[in-house]
């Protein structure tokens, strides 16, 4: 006579224990994802400072931070970095490069700029005569879309730890470019 062996052993609270364990794993994974978000986004008018605040970008030694104009459909035409002693930049396409005495040597290069993304990375501070020691710098970006130029300024903050995000994506304005503009406060 064959005897059936019941492999399912009833252990009290096994179901509750496994459910609690799964919930704890999901909670911890959610916290890890939230603390190291991949994407930070803002509308074009916010990134231009039209709402009254200068947007910030944090750069780190550990990894680069991308500034993407792809969602807005804008082409980067020119970039300035006030303090180049602690940040290097790279681009995803051809960029207008003008240095020193040869500023106008290759004007065609500036007409054919085609980058949409700037990659910023913090480096060990370089000593460049004439540039003071500062705790942050200003990045200025001029973009173009359908013949219209836009001017963006970002305060670059330096960090020793990993940034909270990898990419700052700029999206087109939903309510038009004036949707972020504050109404002036009337004088009393």
Protein backbone atom coordinates (compact mmCIF):
# COMPACT_ATOMS: atom_id res chain seq x y z
CA UNK A 1 0.00 0.00 0.00
CA UNK A 2 1.28 3.38 -1.05
CA UNK A 3 1.22 6.17 1.38
CA UNK A 4 0.83 9.77 0.22
CA UNK A 5 3.28 12.22 1.67
CA UNK A 6 1.91 15.67 2.18
CA UNK A 7 4.67 18.10 1.28
CA UNK A 8 2.66 21.09 2.33
CA UNK A 9 3.28 21.46 5.98
CA UNK A 10 1.07 23.93 7.70
CA UNK A 11 3.20 26.38 9.55
CA UNK A 12 1.27 29.03 11.41
CA UNK A 13 1.81 32.57 10.14
CA UNK A 14 3.99 31.45 7.19
CA UNK A 15 1.81 33.40 4.79
CA UNK A 16 1.94 36.51 6.97
CA UNK A 17 5.71 36.22 7.41
CA UNK A 18 6.39 35.96 3.70
CA UNK A 19 4.04 38.85 2.98
CA UNK A 20 5.74 41.03 5.60
CA UNK A 21 9.16 40.10 4.21
CA UNK A 22 8.10 40.99 0.66
CA UNK A 23 6.65 44.31 1.85
CA UNK A 24 9.90 45.15 3.67
CA UNK A 25 11.94 44.42 0.52
CA UNK A 26 9.66 46.64 -1.59
CA UNK A 27 9.83 49.44 0.98
CA UNK A 28 13.63 49.36 1.09
CA UNK A 29 13.87 49.22 -2.71
CA UNK A 30 11.49 52.17 -2.98
CA UNK A 31 13.58 54.22 -0.56
CA UNK A 32 16.78 53.39 -2.46
CA UNK A 33 15.17 54.42 -5.75
CA UNK A 34 13.83 57.64 -4.25
CA UNK A 35 17.17 58.60 -2.74
CA UNK A 36 18.99 58.09 -6.06
CA UNK A 37 16.43 59.24 -8.60
CA UNK A 38 17.58 59.03 -12.18
CA UNK A 39 15.66 62.00 -13.49
CA UNK A 40 14.90 65.48 -12.25
CA UNK A 41 12.76 67.58 -14.57
CA UNK A 42 11.53 71.14 -14.94
CA UNK A 43 9.69 73.23 -17.47
CA UNK A 44 11.61 75.57 -19.76
CA UNK A 45 10.29 78.70 -18.08
CA UNK A 46 11.44 77.41 -14.67
CA UNK A 47 14.89 76.57 -16.05
CA UNK A 48 15.12 80.08 -17.52
CA UNK A 49 14.45 81.55 -14.08
CA UNK A 50 11.21 83.21 -15.15
CA UNK A 51 9.57 82.07 -11.91
CA UNK A 52 12.03 84.12 -9.89
CA UNK A 53 14.48 81.37 -8.82
CA UNK A 54 17.78 80.35 -10.38
CA UNK A 55 17.71 76.57 -10.94
CA UNK A 56 20.59 74.50 -9.55
CA UNK A 57 22.54 71.51 -10.81
CA UNK A 58 24.67 69.44 -8.44
CA UNK A 59 27.91 67.99 -9.80
CA UNK A 60 29.94 65.28 -8.12
CA UNK A 61 33.27 63.49 -8.33
CA UNK A 62 31.49 60.13 -8.31
CA UNK A 63 29.47 60.50 -11.51
CA UNK A 64 28.47 63.05 -14.08
CA UNK A 65 25.20 64.96 -14.25
CA UNK A 66 23.43 65.46 -17.59
CA UNK A 67 21.50 68.55 -18.60
CA UNK A 68 19.13 67.46 -21.37
CA UNK A 69 17.19 69.71 -23.74
CA UNK A 70 15.91 66.70 -25.74
CA UNK A 71 12.35 66.78 -24.29
CA UNK A 72 12.08 70.52 -25.14
CA UNK A 73 13.35 69.89 -28.69
CA UNK A 74 16.02 72.58 -28.32
CA UNK A 75 19.52 72.69 -29.81
CA UNK A 76 22.36 74.04 -27.67
CA UNK A 77 24.04 76.91 -29.50
CA UNK A 78 26.49 78.28 -26.93
CA UNK A 79 27.59 77.57 -23.35
CA UNK A 80 29.53 79.59 -20.76
CA UNK A 81 30.88 78.33 -17.46
CA UNK A 82 32.03 81.15 -15.17
CA UNK A 83 34.47 78.99 -13.18
CA UNK A 84 36.00 76.19 -15.27
CA UNK A 85 38.38 75.13 -12.47
CA UNK A 86 36.16 72.40 -10.98
CA UNK A 87 33.84 71.24 -13.78
CA UNK A 88 34.43 69.65 -17.18
CA UNK A 89 31.77 69.57 -19.89
CA UNK A 90 31.06 67.22 -22.76
CA UNK A 91 28.30 67.30 -25.37
CA UNK A 92 26.30 64.72 -27.32
CA UNK A 93 26.90 66.45 -30.65
CA UNK A 94 28.95 69.14 -32.39
CA UNK A 95 29.37 72.35 -30.38
CA UNK A 96 30.55 75.84 -31.16
CA UNK A 97 34.03 76.16 -29.67
CA UNK A 98 35.56 79.62 -29.48
CA UNK A 99 38.73 80.25 -27.51
CA UNK A 100 41.14 83.14 -27.06
CA UNK A 101 42.38 85.07 -30.11
CA UNK A 102 40.67 82.76 -32.64
CA UNK A 103 37.09 83.51 -31.56
CA UNK A 104 35.75 84.07 -35.09
CA UNK A 105 38.04 81.64 -36.93
CA UNK A 106 35.33 79.05 -37.49
CA UNK A 107 31.95 80.78 -37.63
CA UNK A 108 30.47 77.84 -39.57
CA UNK A 109 31.10 75.62 -36.53
CA UNK A 110 28.73 77.84 -34.52
CA UNK A 111 26.01 77.67 -37.17
CA UNK A 112 26.20 73.86 -37.16
CA UNK A 113 26.03 73.30 -33.39
CA UNK A 114 23.81 70.31 -32.83
CA UNK A 115 24.09 69.19 -29.21
CA UNK A 116 21.04 68.52 -27.04
CA UNK A 117 22.79 67.30 -23.87
CA UNK A 118 25.57 68.71 -21.70
CA UNK A 119 27.37 66.28 -19.42
CA UNK A 120 28.93 67.95 -16.38
CA UNK A 121 31.48 66.32 -14.08
CA UNK A 122 33.34 67.66 -11.09
CA UNK A 123 37.13 67.48 -11.17
CA UNK A 124 39.87 68.24 -8.66
CA UNK A 125 40.24 72.03 -8.51
CA UNK A 126 42.67 73.47 -11.05
CA UNK A 127 44.67 76.56 -10.23
CA UNK A 128 44.05 79.13 -12.96
CA UNK A 129 45.50 82.61 -12.33
CA UNK A 130 42.84 85.28 -12.01
CA UNK A 131 39.96 82.97 -11.10
CA UNK A 132 38.99 83.29 -7.42
CA UNK A 133 38.16 80.35 -5.14
CA UNK A 134 34.34 80.03 -5.09
CA UNK A 135 31.85 77.52 -3.68
CA UNK A 136 29.69 77.39 -6.85
CA UNK A 137 29.59 78.74 -10.37
CA UNK A 138 27.11 79.81 -13.01
CA UNK A 139 26.42 77.87 -16.22
CA UNK A 140 24.81 79.88 -19.03
CA UNK A 141 23.23 78.05 -21.98
CA UNK A 142 21.76 79.54 -25.17
CA UNK A 143 19.44 77.21 -27.08
CA UNK A 144 17.46 77.46 -30.30
CA UNK A 145 14.21 75.90 -31.47
CA UNK A 146 12.45 76.83 -34.70
CA UNK A 147 14.44 80.06 -35.01
CA UNK A 148 13.69 81.18 -31.43
CA UNK A 149 16.56 81.53 -28.93
CA UNK A 150 16.28 80.93 -25.18
CA UNK A 151 18.70 81.88 -22.42
CA UNK A 152 19.14 79.58 -19.40
CA UNK A 153 21.27 80.09 -16.30
CA UNK A 154 21.99 77.37 -13.75
CA UNK A 155 23.86 77.64 -10.46
CA UNK A 156 26.33 74.75 -10.32
CA UNK A 157 26.75 73.34 -6.80
CA UNK A 158 29.70 71.11 -5.92
CA UNK A 159 29.17 67.88 -3.99
CA UNK A 160 31.52 65.26 -2.56
CA UNK A 161 28.79 62.60 -2.44
CA UNK A 162 26.74 61.02 -5.21
CA UNK A 163 24.14 63.37 -6.71
CA UNK A 164 20.44 62.82 -6.02
CA UNK A 165 19.80 62.52 -9.78
CA UNK A 166 21.71 61.76 -12.99
CA UNK A 167 19.83 63.91 -15.48
CA UNK A 168 18.06 67.25 -15.34
CA UNK A 169 15.60 67.20 -18.25
CA UNK A 170 14.08 70.42 -19.60
CA UNK A 171 10.51 70.08 -20.90
CA UNK A 172 8.53 72.51 -23.07
CA UNK A 173 6.20 74.87 -21.23
CA UNK A 174 2.62 73.64 -21.00
CA UNK A 175 0.96 77.04 -20.57
CA UNK A 176 3.35 78.94 -22.83
CA UNK A 177 6.56 80.73 -21.82
CA UNK A 178 4.73 83.17 -19.54
CA UNK A 179 3.17 80.45 -17.35
CA UNK A 180 6.05 80.75 -14.85
CA UNK A 181 6.28 84.54 -14.79
CA UNK A 182 5.27 86.03 -11.46
CA UNK A 183 2.95 89.00 -11.39
CA UNK A 184 4.73 92.13 -10.10
CA UNK A 185 3.75 93.19 -6.61
CA UNK A 186 2.18 96.66 -6.79
CA UNK A 187 4.02 99.45 -4.98
CA UNK A 188 2.29 100.84 -1.91
